[in-house]
């Protein structure tokens, strides 16, 4: 089964994949995603790693703690989903359309 396996070629292929993964990681880190909640009264900006890099809260929410909490939770969840979806689509592009995330 493995008699035609060339370890040198396999090593080169793995190195190429590692380089591609590093490049993809760098590209994702430089992307930003903006999420707005409550008609724009909360605006959250995250990078491709999922790190929050900016948060703007309209002054009108500062007196309504419960609404602010709900909108912040919604914003963070939406941002997390955007980052994860971007990671999946970028990984699929790198793999040439093979979907390792498919469940069947």
N, C-alpha and C. Protein backbone atom coordinates (compact mmCIF):
# COMPACT_ATOMS: atom_id res chain seq x y z
N UNK A 1 0.81 -1.19 0.00
CA UNK A 1 0.00 0.00 0.00
C UNK A 1 0.85 1.26 0.00
N UNK A 2 1.97 1.27 0.73
CA UNK A 2 2.83 2.45 0.83
C UNK A 2 4.15 2.28 0.09
N UNK A 3 4.24 1.29 -0.78
CA UNK A 3 5.52 1.02 -1.44
C UNK A 3 5.99 2.14 -2.36
N UNK A 4 5.08 2.92 -2.92
CA UNK A 4 5.46 4.01 -3.82
C UNK A 4 5.53 5.36 -3.12
N UNK A 5 5.50 5.34 -1.82
CA UNK A 5 5.51 6.57 -1.04
C UNK A 5 6.93 7.15 -0.95
N UNK A 6 7.09 8.36 -1.43
CA UNK A 6 8.39 9.04 -1.39
C UNK A 6 8.36 10.03 -0.23
N UNK A 7 9.16 9.77 0.79
CA UNK A 7 9.16 10.60 2.00
C UNK A 7 9.67 12.01 1.70
N UNK A 8 10.55 12.17 0.76
CA UNK A 8 11.05 13.50 0.39
C UNK A 8 9.95 14.36 -0.21
N UNK A 9 9.16 13.74 -1.10
CA UNK A 9 8.05 14.47 -1.70
C UNK A 9 7.00 14.82 -0.64
N UNK A 10 6.76 13.89 0.25
CA UNK A 10 5.77 14.12 1.29
C UNK A 10 6.22 15.24 2.22
N UNK A 11 7.50 15.28 2.52
CA UNK A 11 8.05 16.33 3.37
C UNK A 11 7.90 17.69 2.70
N UNK A 12 8.18 17.77 1.40
CA UNK A 12 8.03 19.03 0.66
C UNK A 12 6.57 19.47 0.64
N UNK A 13 5.67 18.50 0.47
CA UNK A 13 4.25 18.83 0.45
C UNK A 13 3.81 19.38 1.81
N UNK A 14 4.27 18.78 2.89
CA UNK A 14 3.92 19.25 4.23
C UNK A 14 4.49 20.63 4.49
N UNK A 15 5.71 20.89 4.04
CA UNK A 15 6.31 22.21 4.19
C UNK A 15 5.49 23.26 3.44
N UNK A 16 5.05 22.91 2.24
CA UNK A 16 4.22 23.82 1.46
C UNK A 16 2.90 24.11 2.15
N UNK A 17 2.32 23.10 2.75
CA UNK A 17 1.06 23.29 3.47
C UNK A 17 1.27 24.17 4.70
N UNK A 18 2.40 23.99 5.40
CA UNK A 18 2.69 24.81 6.57
C UNK A 18 2.87 26.27 6.17
N UNK A 19 3.56 26.50 5.06
CA UNK A 19 3.75 27.86 4.56
C UNK A 19 2.40 28.50 4.20
N UNK A 20 1.55 27.72 3.54
CA UNK A 20 0.23 28.22 3.16
C UNK A 20 -0.61 28.53 4.40
N UNK A 21 -0.52 27.67 5.40
CA UNK A 21 -1.28 27.89 6.63
C UNK A 21 -0.80 29.15 7.34
N UNK A 22 0.50 29.38 7.36
CA UNK A 22 1.05 30.57 8.00
C UNK A 22 0.61 31.82 7.26
N UNK A 23 0.65 31.76 5.92
CA UNK A 23 0.22 32.90 5.10
C UNK A 23 -1.26 33.19 5.34
N UNK A 24 -2.06 32.14 5.40
CA UNK A 24 -3.49 32.28 5.66
C UNK A 24 -3.74 32.90 7.03
N UNK A 25 -3.00 32.47 8.03
CA UNK A 25 -3.13 33.02 9.38
C UNK A 25 -2.78 34.50 9.40
N UNK A 26 -1.73 34.88 8.70
CA UNK A 26 -1.34 36.29 8.63
C UNK A 26 -2.39 37.13 7.92
N UNK A 27 -2.95 36.58 6.83
CA UNK A 27 -3.99 37.29 6.10
C UNK A 27 -5.23 37.48 6.98
N UNK A 28 -5.60 36.44 7.72
CA UNK A 28 -6.79 36.53 8.56
C UNK A 28 -6.58 37.54 9.68
N UNK A 29 -5.39 37.60 10.22
CA UNK A 29 -5.11 38.54 11.32
C UNK A 29 -5.25 39.98 10.85
N UNK A 30 -5.01 40.23 9.57
CA UNK A 30 -5.07 41.60 9.06
C UNK A 30 -6.48 42.02 8.66
N UNK A 31 -7.41 41.06 8.59
CA UNK A 31 -8.79 41.39 8.24
C UNK A 31 -9.52 41.95 9.46
N UNK A 32 -10.51 42.80 9.19
CA UNK A 32 -11.36 43.28 10.27
C UNK A 32 -12.82 43.04 9.91
N UNK A 33 -13.61 42.80 10.93
CA UNK A 33 -15.04 42.57 10.77
C UNK A 33 -15.78 43.52 11.69
N UNK A 34 -16.78 44.21 11.15
CA UNK A 34 -17.55 45.15 11.92
C UNK A 34 -18.98 44.63 12.08
N UNK A 35 -19.45 44.64 13.31
CA UNK A 35 -20.80 44.19 13.63
C UNK A 35 -21.53 45.34 14.28
N UNK A 36 -22.76 45.59 13.82
CA UNK A 36 -23.59 46.63 14.43
C UNK A 36 -24.84 45.98 14.99
N UNK A 37 -25.22 46.37 16.19
CA UNK A 37 -26.42 45.86 16.83
C UNK A 37 -27.31 47.02 17.25
N UNK A 38 -28.59 46.72 17.37
CA UNK A 38 -29.53 47.73 17.83
C UNK A 38 -29.63 48.91 16.89
N UNK A 39 -29.56 48.65 15.61
CA UNK A 39 -29.63 49.74 14.64
C UNK A 39 -28.39 50.62 14.64
N UNK A 40 -27.29 50.08 15.12
CA UNK A 40 -26.03 50.82 15.10
C UNK A 40 -25.66 51.48 16.41
N UNK A 41 -26.45 51.26 17.47
CA UNK A 41 -26.10 51.90 18.75
C UNK A 41 -24.92 51.19 19.43
N UNK A 42 -24.64 49.96 19.01
CA UNK A 42 -23.44 49.25 19.43
C UNK A 42 -22.70 48.83 18.18
N UNK A 43 -21.43 49.18 18.10
CA UNK A 43 -20.60 48.78 16.96
C UNK A 43 -19.33 48.14 17.49
N UNK A 44 -19.09 46.91 17.05
CA UNK A 44 -17.94 46.13 17.50
C UNK A 44 -17.07 45.81 16.30
N UNK A 45 -15.77 46.00 16.44
CA UNK A 45 -14.81 45.66 15.38
C UNK A 45 -13.85 44.62 15.93
N UNK A 46 -13.72 43.50 15.22
CA UNK A 46 -12.79 42.44 15.61
C UNK A 46 -11.85 42.16 14.45
N UNK A 47 -10.68 41.60 14.78
CA UNK A 47 -9.77 41.19 13.71
C UNK A 47 -10.03 39.73 13.36
N UNK A 48 -9.31 39.22 12.40
CA UNK A 48 -9.50 37.85 11.94
C UNK A 48 -9.15 36.79 12.94
N UNK A 49 -8.49 37.17 14.02
CA UNK A 49 -8.19 36.23 15.10
C UNK A 49 -9.32 36.19 16.12
N UNK A 50 -10.29 37.09 15.95
CA UNK A 50 -11.41 37.15 16.89
C UNK A 50 -11.15 38.09 18.06
N UNK A 51 -10.09 38.87 17.97
CA UNK A 51 -9.77 39.81 19.04
C UNK A 51 -10.53 41.12 18.82
N UNK A 52 -11.14 41.61 19.88
CA UNK A 52 -11.85 42.89 19.80
C UNK A 52 -10.83 44.00 19.67
N UNK A 53 -10.99 44.85 18.64
CA UNK A 53 -10.04 45.95 18.46
C UNK A 53 -10.70 47.31 18.61
N UNK A 54 -12.05 47.34 18.62
CA UNK A 54 -12.74 48.61 18.85
C UNK A 54 -14.18 48.32 19.25
N UNK A 55 -14.72 49.19 20.09
CA UNK A 55 -16.10 49.07 20.54
C UNK A 55 -16.65 50.47 20.74
N UNK A 56 -17.77 50.75 20.07
CA UNK A 56 -18.43 52.03 20.22
C UNK A 56 -19.84 51.79 20.74
N UNK A 57 -20.19 52.53 21.78
CA UNK A 57 -21.52 52.42 22.39
C UNK A 57 -22.15 53.81 22.39
N UNK A 58 -23.34 53.89 21.82
CA UNK A 58 -24.06 55.16 21.80
C UNK A 58 -24.40 55.58 23.23
N UNK A 59 -24.27 56.86 23.50
CA UNK A 59 -24.54 57.38 24.85
C UNK A 59 -25.94 57.05 25.34
N UNK A 60 -26.89 56.88 24.44
CA UNK A 60 -28.27 56.59 24.84
C UNK A 60 -28.39 55.26 25.58
N UNK A 61 -27.43 54.36 25.40
CA UNK A 61 -27.48 53.05 26.06
C UNK A 61 -26.87 53.05 27.45
N UNK A 62 -26.17 54.09 27.81
CA UNK A 62 -25.45 54.10 29.07
C UNK A 62 -26.37 54.09 30.28
N UNK A 63 -27.62 54.44 30.09
CA UNK A 63 -28.59 54.44 31.18
C UNK A 63 -29.42 53.16 31.21
N UNK A 64 -29.27 52.29 30.21
CA UNK A 64 -30.08 51.08 30.10
C UNK A 64 -29.17 49.86 30.08
N UNK A 65 -28.77 49.44 31.27
CA UNK A 65 -27.79 48.36 31.42
C UNK A 65 -28.26 47.06 30.76
N UNK A 66 -29.52 46.69 30.94
CA UNK A 66 -30.02 45.43 30.40
C UNK A 66 -29.96 45.41 28.87
N UNK A 67 -30.40 46.47 28.24
CA UNK A 67 -30.34 46.54 26.77
C UNK A 67 -28.89 46.52 26.29
N UNK A 68 -28.03 47.22 26.99
CA UNK A 68 -26.61 47.25 26.62
C UNK A 68 -26.01 45.85 26.69
N UNK A 69 -26.32 45.11 27.75
CA UNK A 69 -25.80 43.75 27.89
C UNK A 69 -26.28 42.86 26.75
N UNK A 70 -27.56 42.95 26.42
CA UNK A 70 -28.13 42.14 25.34
C UNK A 70 -27.46 42.46 24.00
N UNK A 71 -27.30 43.74 23.73
CA UNK A 71 -26.68 44.14 22.46
C UNK A 71 -25.20 43.77 22.39
N UNK A 72 -24.50 43.86 23.51
CA UNK A 72 -23.09 43.46 23.52
C UNK A 72 -22.95 41.96 23.28
N UNK A 73 -23.77 41.17 23.95
CA UNK A 73 -23.72 39.71 23.76
C UNK A 73 -24.02 39.37 22.30
N UNK A 74 -25.03 40.00 21.74
CA UNK A 74 -25.39 39.77 20.34
C UNK A 74 -24.24 40.14 19.41
N UNK A 75 -23.62 41.28 19.66
CA UNK A 75 -22.50 41.74 18.82
C UNK A 75 -21.32 40.78 18.88
N UNK A 76 -20.96 40.35 20.09
CA UNK A 76 -19.83 39.43 20.22
C UNK A 76 -20.13 38.09 19.55
N UNK A 77 -21.35 37.59 19.70
CA UNK A 77 -21.71 36.32 19.06
C UNK A 77 -21.69 36.44 17.54
N UNK A 78 -22.22 37.53 17.01
CA UNK A 78 -22.21 37.74 15.56
C UNK A 78 -20.78 37.87 15.03
N UNK A 79 -19.93 38.58 15.76
CA UNK A 79 -18.54 38.75 15.34
C UNK A 79 -17.81 37.41 15.35
N UNK A 80 -18.03 36.61 16.39
CA UNK A 80 -17.40 35.29 16.48
C UNK A 80 -17.80 34.44 15.28
N UNK A 81 -19.09 34.46 14.94
CA UNK A 81 -19.57 33.68 13.80
C UNK A 81 -18.92 34.15 12.50
N UNK A 82 -18.79 35.46 12.32
CA UNK A 82 -18.15 35.99 11.12
C UNK A 82 -16.71 35.51 11.00
N UNK A 83 -15.98 35.56 12.09
CA UNK A 83 -14.57 35.13 12.09
C UNK A 83 -14.48 33.64 11.78
N UNK A 84 -15.32 32.82 12.41
CA UNK A 84 -15.28 31.38 12.17
C UNK A 84 -15.66 31.05 10.73
N UNK A 85 -16.69 31.70 10.20
CA UNK A 85 -17.07 31.47 8.81
C UNK A 85 -15.94 31.85 7.86
N UNK A 86 -15.24 32.94 8.16
CA UNK A 86 -14.11 33.36 7.33
C UNK A 86 -12.98 32.33 7.39
N UNK A 87 -12.71 31.82 8.58
CA UNK A 87 -11.67 30.79 8.72
C UNK A 87 -12.00 29.56 7.89
N UNK A 88 -13.26 29.13 7.96
CA UNK A 88 -13.67 27.93 7.23
C UNK A 88 -13.57 28.14 5.72
N UNK A 89 -14.07 29.27 5.25
CA UNK A 89 -14.02 29.50 3.80
C UNK A 89 -12.58 29.68 3.33
N UNK A 90 -11.74 30.30 4.13
CA UNK A 90 -10.33 30.46 3.74
C UNK A 90 -9.62 29.12 3.73
N UNK A 91 -9.91 28.27 4.71
CA UNK A 91 -9.29 26.94 4.76
C UNK A 91 -9.74 26.10 3.58
N UNK A 92 -11.03 26.21 3.22
CA UNK A 92 -11.52 25.44 2.07
C UNK A 92 -10.84 25.91 0.78
N UNK A 93 -10.62 27.21 0.67
CA UNK A 93 -9.92 27.73 -0.49
C UNK A 93 -8.50 27.20 -0.57
N UNK A 94 -7.85 27.11 0.58
CA UNK A 94 -6.48 26.60 0.63
C UNK A 94 -6.43 25.12 0.27
N UNK A 95 -7.49 24.39 0.64
CA UNK A 95 -7.52 22.95 0.36
C UNK A 95 -8.08 22.62 -1.03
N UNK A 96 -8.37 23.65 -1.79
CA UNK A 96 -8.85 23.43 -3.14
C UNK A 96 -10.27 22.91 -3.22
N UNK A 97 -11.09 23.27 -2.25
CA UNK A 97 -12.51 22.89 -2.30
C UNK A 97 -12.84 21.63 -1.53
N UNK A 98 -11.86 20.91 -1.04
CA UNK A 98 -12.14 19.73 -0.21
C UNK A 98 -12.69 20.26 1.11
N UNK A 99 -13.85 19.79 1.53
CA UNK A 99 -14.48 20.31 2.73
C UNK A 99 -14.25 19.39 3.92
N UNK A 100 -13.27 19.71 4.78
CA UNK A 100 -13.02 18.87 5.95
C UNK A 100 -14.07 19.09 7.04
N UNK A 101 -14.94 20.10 6.85
CA UNK A 101 -15.94 20.42 7.86
C UNK A 101 -17.28 19.76 7.55
N UNK A 102 -17.37 19.09 6.42
CA UNK A 102 -18.64 18.47 6.03
C UNK A 102 -18.95 17.29 6.95
N UNK A 103 -20.22 17.19 7.26
CA UNK A 103 -20.67 16.05 8.05
C UNK A 103 -21.65 15.26 7.21
N UNK A 104 -21.37 14.00 7.06
CA UNK A 104 -22.27 13.17 6.27
C UNK A 104 -22.41 11.81 6.88
